[in-house]
């Protein structure tokens, strides 16, 4: 699918016209999504948004861009159409702004081939006394949607991290071997993530060294 993010500047008018043709139905749909979100049914919200994007692509992107609040988007709409239409779209942001993150995630799935991107991680710690092992409770979140729940020891959590880092290096190896370019933004973010990992690994190394020096009762 071609990215709507890279569409020519004439594109907003076509998207907004799609939305206006089904405005009443779309707003009723958004009302339903708000109710579902308030009930905590975030997985249902995600699936219904995917269906909306699949079957009403123009209207979906018009709403997604409106909720994203880009000043350039509103300016383009007013230049290509009229101020009244621009205000209608601003009203979407004011009324349904709590759905902005979900629209942004599904938009990235549509334009960038992502799927359930992890946007945050909820964590807590506990301790297993008999085993004498700390436990990490964690829940990866994609927007407000909980992907799964896990409870594992630090070593087991690091094993998952190892799997993910290895998968990342495998993907970069394929790109290098196939002469596939990696854009500047992604490369810059990769450098930042590597530095963050190195910093955390330094702290982990210090903690492990301290644990080695701590007597363990047999």
C-alpha atoms as a PDB file:
ATOM      1  CA  UNK A   1       0.000   0.000   0.000  1.00  0.00           C
ATOM      2  CA  UNK A   2       1.352   3.434  -0.832  1.00  0.00           C
ATOM      3  CA  UNK A   3       1.937   5.687   2.151  1.00  0.00           C
ATOM      4  CA  UNK A   4      -0.630   8.413   2.579  1.00  0.00           C
ATOM      5  CA  UNK A   5       2.003  10.330   4.536  1.00  0.00           C
ATOM      6  CA  UNK A   6       3.906  10.897   1.302  1.00  0.00           C
ATOM      7  CA  UNK A   7       0.840  11.868  -0.719  1.00  0.00           C
ATOM      8  CA  UNK A   8       0.847  15.104  -2.749  1.00  0.00           C
ATOM      9  CA  UNK A   9      -0.593  18.219  -1.132  1.00  0.00           C
ATOM     10  CA  UNK A  10      -3.809  17.855  -3.197  1.00  0.00           C
ATOM     11  CA  UNK A  11      -4.606  14.645  -1.296  1.00  0.00           C
ATOM     12  CA  UNK A  12      -6.297  16.188   1.799  1.00  0.00           C
ATOM     13  CA  UNK A  13      -9.268  17.342  -0.289  1.00  0.00           C
ATOM     14  CA  UNK A  14      -9.903  13.821  -1.596  1.00  0.00           C
ATOM     15  CA  UNK A  15      -9.655  12.352   1.901  1.00  0.00           C
ATOM     16  CA  UNK A  16     -11.949  14.949   3.426  1.00  0.00           C
ATOM     17  CA  UNK A  17     -14.517  14.531   0.665  1.00  0.00           C
ATOM     18  CA  UNK A  18     -14.634  10.818   1.505  1.00  0.00           C
ATOM     19  CA  UNK A  19     -15.219  11.719   5.141  1.00  0.00           C
ATOM     20  CA  UNK A  20     -17.928  14.288   4.387  1.00  0.00           C
ATOM     21  CA  UNK A  21     -19.874  11.753   2.320  1.00  0.00           C
ATOM     22  CA  UNK A  22     -20.249   9.599   5.430  1.00  0.00           C
ATOM     23  CA  UNK A  23     -19.886  12.191   8.185  1.00  0.00           C
ATOM     24  CA  UNK A  24     -22.937  11.228  10.259  1.00  0.00           C
ATOM     25  CA  UNK A  25     -22.140   7.528  10.151  1.00  0.00           C
ATOM     26  CA  UNK A  26     -18.483   8.154  10.957  1.00  0.00           C
ATOM     27  CA  UNK A  27     -19.278  10.302  13.985  1.00  0.00           C
ATOM     28  CA  UNK A  28     -21.692   7.632  15.247  1.00  0.00           C
ATOM     29  CA  UNK A  29     -18.890   5.093  14.769  1.00  0.00           C
ATOM     30  CA  UNK A  30     -16.500   7.305  16.746  1.00  0.00           C
ATOM     31  CA  UNK A  31     -19.081   7.626  19.522  1.00  0.00           C
ATOM     32  CA  UNK A  32     -19.218   3.832  19.712  1.00  0.00           C
ATOM     33  CA  UNK A  33     -15.415   3.643  19.867  1.00  0.00           C
ATOM     34  CA  UNK A  34     -15.355   6.092  22.758  1.00  0.00           C
ATOM     35  CA  UNK A  35     -17.829   3.939  24.670  1.00  0.00           C
ATOM     36  CA  UNK A  36     -15.763   0.826  24.031  1.00  0.00           C
ATOM     37  CA  UNK A  37     -12.588   2.607  25.155  1.00  0.00           C
ATOM     38  CA  UNK A  38     -14.318   3.808  28.336  1.00  0.00           C
ATOM     39  CA  UNK A  39     -15.265   0.184  29.051  1.00  0.00           C
ATOM     40  CA  UNK A  40     -11.630  -0.873  28.643  1.00  0.00           C
ATOM     41  CA  UNK A  41     -12.324  -2.872  25.481  1.00  0.00           C
ATOM     42  CA  UNK A  42      -9.214  -1.622  23.733  1.00  0.00           C
ATOM     43  CA  UNK A  43      -8.649  -4.748  21.613  1.00  0.00           C
ATOM     44  CA  UNK A  44     -12.137  -4.303  20.151  1.00  0.00           C
ATOM     45  CA  UNK A  45     -11.383  -0.653  19.417  1.00  0.00           C
ATOM     46  CA  UNK A  46      -8.218  -1.711  17.561  1.00  0.00           C
ATOM     47  CA  UNK A  47     -10.020  -4.309  15.444  1.00  0.00           C
ATOM     48  CA  UNK A  48     -12.877  -1.981  14.552  1.00  0.00           C
ATOM     49  CA  UNK A  49     -10.418   0.720  13.536  1.00  0.00           C
ATOM     50  CA  UNK A  50      -8.594  -1.745  11.300  1.00  0.00           C
ATOM     51  CA  UNK A  51     -11.896  -2.618   9.637  1.00  0.00           C
ATOM     52  CA  UNK A  52     -12.680   1.083   9.213  1.00  0.00           C
ATOM     53  CA  UNK A  53      -9.279   1.696   7.603  1.00  0.00           C
ATOM     54  CA  UNK A  54      -9.777  -1.281   5.294  1.00  0.00           C
ATOM     55  CA  UNK A  55     -13.278  -0.425   4.101  1.00  0.00           C
ATOM     56  CA  UNK A  56     -13.360   3.401   4.341  1.00  0.00           C
ATOM     57  CA  UNK A  57      -9.737   4.330   3.785  1.00  0.00           C
ATOM     58  CA  UNK A  58     -10.269   7.961   2.793  1.00  0.00           C
ATOM     59  CA  UNK A  59     -12.511   8.736   5.758  1.00  0.00           C
ATOM     60  CA  UNK A  60     -10.149   6.881   8.094  1.00  0.00           C
ATOM     61  CA  UNK A  61      -7.149   8.960   7.045  1.00  0.00           C
ATOM     62  CA  UNK A  62      -9.163  12.185   7.198  1.00  0.00           C
ATOM     63  CA  UNK A  63     -10.087  11.441  10.815  1.00  0.00           C
ATOM     64  CA  UNK A  64      -6.578  10.200  11.691  1.00  0.00           C
ATOM     65  CA  UNK A  65      -4.984  13.363  10.313  1.00  0.00           C
ATOM     66  CA  UNK A  66      -7.572  15.523  12.080  1.00  0.00           C
ATOM     67  CA  UNK A  67      -6.934  13.843  15.426  1.00  0.00           C
ATOM     68  CA  UNK A  68      -3.200  14.151  14.828  1.00  0.00           C
ATOM     69  CA  UNK A  69      -3.700  17.907  14.885  1.00  0.00           C
ATOM     70  CA  UNK A  70      -1.223  18.856  12.145  1.00  0.00           C
ATOM     71  CA  UNK A  71      -1.498  22.602  11.506  1.00  0.00           C
ATOM     72  CA  UNK A  72      -0.371  22.000   7.920  1.00  0.00           C
ATOM     73  CA  UNK A  73      -3.209  19.528   7.336  1.00  0.00           C
ATOM     74  CA  UNK A  74      -5.846  21.998   8.537  1.00  0.00           C
ATOM     75  CA  UNK A  75      -4.237  24.774   6.478  1.00  0.00           C
ATOM     76  CA  UNK A  76      -4.297  22.591   3.359  1.00  0.00           C
ATOM     77  CA  UNK A  77      -7.957  21.706   3.927  1.00  0.00           C
ATOM     78  CA  UNK A  78      -8.952  25.355   4.303  1.00  0.00           C
ATOM     79  CA  UNK A  79      -6.940  26.338   1.225  1.00  0.00           C
ATOM     80  CA  UNK A  80      -8.387  23.551  -0.930  1.00  0.00           C
ATOM     81  CA  UNK A  81     -11.918  23.655   0.472  1.00  0.00           C
ATOM     82  CA  UNK A  82     -13.117  26.235   3.014  1.00  0.00           C
ATOM     83  CA  UNK A  83     -12.779  27.414   6.604  1.00  0.00           C
ATOM     84  CA  UNK A  84     -16.049  25.759   7.645  1.00  0.00           C
ATOM     85  CA  UNK A  85     -14.744  22.351   6.614  1.00  0.00           C
ATOM     86  CA  UNK A  86     -11.508  22.990   8.472  1.00  0.00           C
ATOM     87  CA  UNK A  87     -13.511  23.783  11.599  1.00  0.00           C
ATOM     88  CA  UNK A  88     -15.506  20.561  11.246  1.00  0.00           C
ATOM     89  CA  UNK A  89     -12.262  18.622  11.311  1.00  0.00           C
ATOM     90  CA  UNK A  90     -10.920  20.599  14.269  1.00  0.00           C
ATOM     91  CA  UNK A  91     -14.122  19.667  16.071  1.00  0.00           C
ATOM     92  CA  UNK A  92     -13.226  16.003  15.560  1.00  0.00           C
ATOM     93  CA  UNK A  93     -10.007  16.573  17.481  1.00  0.00           C
ATOM     94  CA  UNK A  94     -11.827  18.377  20.293  1.00  0.00           C
ATOM     95  CA  UNK A  95     -14.551  15.724  20.567  1.00  0.00           C
ATOM     96  CA  UNK A  96     -12.611  12.515  19.942  1.00  0.00           C
ATOM     97  CA  UNK A  97      -9.071  13.464  20.949  1.00  0.00           C
ATOM     98  CA  UNK A  98      -8.859  10.500  23.325  1.00  0.00           C
ATOM     99  CA  UNK A  99      -8.868   8.217  20.261  1.00  0.00           C
ATOM    100  CA  UNK A 100      -5.845   9.934  18.699  1.00  0.00           C
ATOM    101  CA  UNK A 101      -3.277   7.345  19.835  1.00  0.00           C
ATOM    102  CA  UNK A 102      -5.348   4.424  18.543  1.00  0.00           C
ATOM    103  CA  UNK A 103      -5.806   6.123  15.175  1.00  0.00           C
ATOM    104  CA  UNK A 104      -2.082   6.864  15.036  1.00  0.00           C
ATOM    105  CA  UNK A 105      -1.197   3.223  15.691  1.00  0.00           C
ATOM    106  CA  UNK A 106      -3.578   1.843  13.058  1.00  0.00           C
ATOM    107  CA  UNK A 107      -2.383   4.533  10.650  1.00  0.00           C
ATOM    108  CA  UNK A 108       1.191   3.272  11.133  1.00  0.00           C
ATOM    109  CA  UNK A 109      -0.050  -0.259  10.467  1.00  0.00           C
ATOM    110  CA  UNK A 110      -1.632   0.948   7.234  1.00  0.00           C
ATOM    111  CA  UNK A 111       1.236   3.089   5.974  1.00  0.00           C
ATOM    112  CA  UNK A 112       4.326   1.444   7.494  1.00  0.00           C
ATOM    113  CA  UNK A 113       3.330  -2.235   7.716  1.00  0.00           C
ATOM    114  CA  UNK A 114       3.602  -2.285  11.510  1.00  0.00           C
ATOM    115  CA  UNK A 115       1.414  -4.563  13.653  1.00  0.00           C
ATOM    116  CA  UNK A 116       0.561  -3.925  17.301  1.00  0.00           C
ATOM    117  CA  UNK A 117       3.630  -1.702  17.840  1.00  0.00           C
ATOM    118  CA  UNK A 118       4.644  -1.614  21.498  1.00  0.00           C
ATOM    119  CA  UNK A 119       4.328   1.954  22.760  1.00  0.00           C
ATOM    120  CA  UNK A 120       4.965   1.392  26.478  1.00  0.00           C
ATOM    121  CA  UNK A 121       5.663  -1.277  29.079  1.00  0.00           C
ATOM    122  CA  UNK A 122       3.928  -1.589  32.440  1.00  0.00           C
ATOM    123  CA  UNK A 123       6.160  -3.270  35.041  1.00  0.00           C
ATOM    124  CA  UNK A 124       6.214  -4.259  38.706  1.00  0.00           C
ATOM    125  CA  UNK A 125       8.537  -6.373  40.827  1.00  0.00           C
ATOM    126  CA  UNK A 126       7.990  -9.002  43.482  1.00  0.00           C
ATOM    127  CA  UNK A 127      10.069 -11.688  45.155  1.00  0.00           C
ATOM    128  CA  UNK A 128       9.836 -15.480  45.247  1.00  0.00           C
ATOM    129  CA  UNK A 129      11.057 -16.298  48.744  1.00  0.00           C
ATOM    130  CA  UNK A 130      11.409 -20.074  48.481  1.00  0.00           C
ATOM    131  CA  UNK A 131      13.408 -19.812  45.270  1.00  0.00           C
ATOM    132  CA  UNK A 132      15.212 -16.631  46.414  1.00  0.00           C
ATOM    133  CA  UNK A 133      14.642 -14.950  43.078  1.00  0.00           C
ATOM    134  CA  UNK A 134      13.213 -11.528  42.221  1.00  0.00           C
ATOM    135  CA  UNK A 135      10.340 -11.629  39.754  1.00  0.00           C
ATOM    136  CA  UNK A 136       9.451  -9.072  37.105  1.00  0.00           C
ATOM    137  CA  UNK A 137       5.814  -8.632  36.164  1.00  0.00           C
ATOM    138  CA  UNK A 138       5.426  -6.926  32.806  1.00  0.00           C
ATOM    139  CA  UNK A 139       2.727  -6.032  30.304  1.00  0.00           C
ATOM    140  CA  UNK A 140       3.633  -4.677  26.848  1.00  0.00           C
ATOM    141  CA  UNK A 141       1.094  -2.073  25.737  1.00  0.00           C
ATOM    142  CA  UNK A 142       0.166  -0.967  22.243  1.00  0.00           C
ATOM    143  CA  UNK A 143      -1.600   2.289  22.951  1.00  0.00           C
ATOM    144  CA  UNK A 144      -4.093   1.341  25.669  1.00  0.00           C
ATOM    145  CA  UNK A 145      -4.297  -2.283  24.538  1.00  0.00           C
ATOM    146  CA  UNK A 146      -2.556  -4.857  26.726  1.00  0.00           C
ATOM    147  CA  UNK A 147      -0.794  -7.366  24.476  1.00  0.00           C
ATOM    148  CA  UNK A 148      -0.075  -9.978  27.159  1.00  0.00           C
ATOM    149  CA  UNK A 149       1.039 -10.385  30.777  1.00  0.00           C
ATOM    150  CA  UNK A 150       4.235 -12.056  31.918  1.00  0.00           C
ATOM    151  CA  UNK A 151       5.959 -12.837  35.228  1.00  0.00           C
ATOM    152  CA  UNK A 152       9.535 -14.083  35.034  1.00  0.00           C
ATOM    153  CA  UNK A 153      12.889 -13.958  36.772  1.00  0.00           C
ATOM    154  CA  UNK A 154      15.466 -11.327  35.727  1.00  0.00           C
ATOM    155  CA  UNK A 155      17.460 -13.961  33.830  1.00  0.00           C
ATOM    156  CA  UNK A 156      14.351 -15.051  31.930  1.00  0.00           C
ATOM    157  CA  UNK A 157      13.453 -11.465  31.087  1.00  0.00           C
ATOM    158  CA  UNK A 158      16.968 -10.886  29.769  1.00  0.00           C
ATOM    159  CA  UNK A 159      16.608 -14.012  27.636  1.00  0.00           C
ATOM    160  CA  UNK A 160      13.652 -12.347  25.896  1.00  0.00           C
ATOM    161  CA  UNK A 161      15.751  -9.208  25.444  1.00  0.00           C
ATOM    162  CA  UNK A 162      18.498 -11.357  23.914  1.00  0.00           C
ATOM    163  CA  UNK A 163      16.026 -12.911  21.473  1.00  0.00           C
ATOM    164  CA  UNK A 164      14.852  -9.452  20.376  1.00  0.00           C
ATOM    165  CA  UNK A 165      18.361  -8.033  19.999  1.00  0.00           C
ATOM    166  CA  UNK A 166      19.411 -11.078  17.982  1.00  0.00           C
ATOM    167  CA  UNK A 167      16.352 -10.695  15.735  1.00  0.00           C
ATOM    168  CA  UNK A 168      17.303  -7.042  15.254  1.00  0.00           C
ATOM    169  CA  UNK A 169      20.875  -7.867  14.244  1.00  0.00           C
ATOM    170  CA  UNK A 170      19.576 -10.576  11.899  1.00  0.00           C
ATOM    171  CA  UNK A 171      17.305  -8.033  10.201  1.00  0.00           C
ATOM    172  CA  UNK A 172      20.180  -5.564   9.817  1.00  0.00           C
ATOM    173  CA  UNK A 173      22.436  -8.329   8.453  1.00  0.00           C
ATOM    174  CA  UNK A 174      19.860  -9.095   5.761  1.00  0.00           C
ATOM    175  CA  UNK A 175      19.593  -5.403   4.886  1.00  0.00           C
ATOM    176  CA  UNK A 176      23.388  -5.091   4.599  1.00  0.00           C
ATOM    177  CA  UNK A 177      23.793  -8.279   2.567  1.00  0.00           C
ATOM    178  CA  UNK A 178      20.955  -7.296   0.230  1.00  0.00           C
ATOM    179  CA  UNK A 179      22.112  -3.670  -0.172  1.00  0.00           C
ATOM    180  CA  UNK A 180      18.806  -2.486   1.286  1.00  0.00           C
ATOM    181  CA  UNK A 181      19.101   1.117   2.532  1.00  0.00           C
ATOM    182  CA  UNK A 182      18.120   2.145   6.062  1.00  0.00           C
ATOM    183  CA  UNK A 183      16.771   5.689   6.227  1.00  0.00           C
ATOM    184  CA  UNK A 184      18.509   8.390   8.255  1.00  0.00           C
ATOM    185  CA  UNK A 185      15.727   8.702  10.834  1.00  0.00           C
ATOM    186  CA  UNK A 186      15.769   4.966  11.573  1.00  0.00           C
ATOM    187  CA  UNK A 187      19.576   4.890  11.754  1.00  0.00           C
ATOM    188  CA  UNK A 188      19.647   7.834  14.153  1.00  0.00           C
ATOM    189  CA  UNK A 189      17.044   6.144  16.373  1.00  0.00           C
ATOM    190  CA  UNK A 190      19.042   2.890  16.262  1.00  0.00           C
ATOM    191  CA  UNK A 191      22.111   4.726  17.543  1.00  0.00           C
ATOM    192  CA  UNK A 192      20.067   6.226  20.386  1.00  0.00           C
ATOM    193  CA  UNK A 193      18.639   2.825  21.331  1.00  0.00           C
ATOM    194  CA  UNK A 194      22.097   1.227  21.271  1.00  0.00           C
ATOM    195  CA  UNK A 195      23.436   3.902  23.617  1.00  0.00           C
ATOM    196  CA  UNK A 196      20.480   3.380  25.963  1.00  0.00           C
ATOM    197  CA  UNK A 197      21.124  -0.366  25.982  1.00  0.00           C
ATOM    198  CA  UNK A 198      24.825   0.136  26.682  1.00  0.00           C
ATOM    199  CA  UNK A 199      23.972   2.391  29.624  1.00  0.00           C
ATOM    200  CA  UNK A 200      21.518  -0.127  31.084  1.00  0.00           C
ATOM    201  CA  UNK A 201      24.003  -2.965  30.567  1.00  0.00           C
ATOM    202  CA  UNK A 202      26.607  -0.974  32.485  1.00  0.00           C
ATOM    203  CA  UNK A 203      24.218  -0.672  35.438  1.00  0.00           C
ATOM    204  CA  UNK A 204      23.394  -4.389  35.153  1.00  0.00           C
ATOM    205  CA  UNK A 205      27.090  -5.274  35.198  1.00  0.00           C
ATOM    206  CA  UNK A 206      27.582  -3.279  38.408  1.00  0.00           C
ATOM    207  CA  UNK A 207      24.584  -4.972  40.051  1.00  0.00           C
ATOM    208  CA  UNK A 208      25.812  -8.449  39.119  1.00  0.00           C
ATOM    209  CA  UNK A 209      29.288  -7.644  40.478  1.00  0.00           C
ATOM    210  CA  UNK A 210      27.736  -6.493  43.769  1.00  0.00           C
ATOM    211  CA  UNK A 211      25.608  -9.640  43.993  1.00  0.00           C
ATOM    212  CA  UNK A 212      28.724 -11.761  43.476  1.00  0.00           C
ATOM    213  CA  UNK A 213      30.322 -10.064  46.500  1.00  0.00           C
ATOM    214  CA  UNK A 214      27.223 -10.565  48.648  1.00  0.00           C
ATOM    215  CA  UNK A 215      27.322 -13.736  50.790  1.00  0.00           C
ATOM    216  CA  UNK A 216      24.501 -16.178  50.111  1.00  0.00           C
ATOM    217  CA  UNK A 217      23.165 -18.242  53.010  1.00  0.00           C
ATOM    218  CA  UNK A 218      23.196 -21.917  52.118  1.00  0.00           C
END
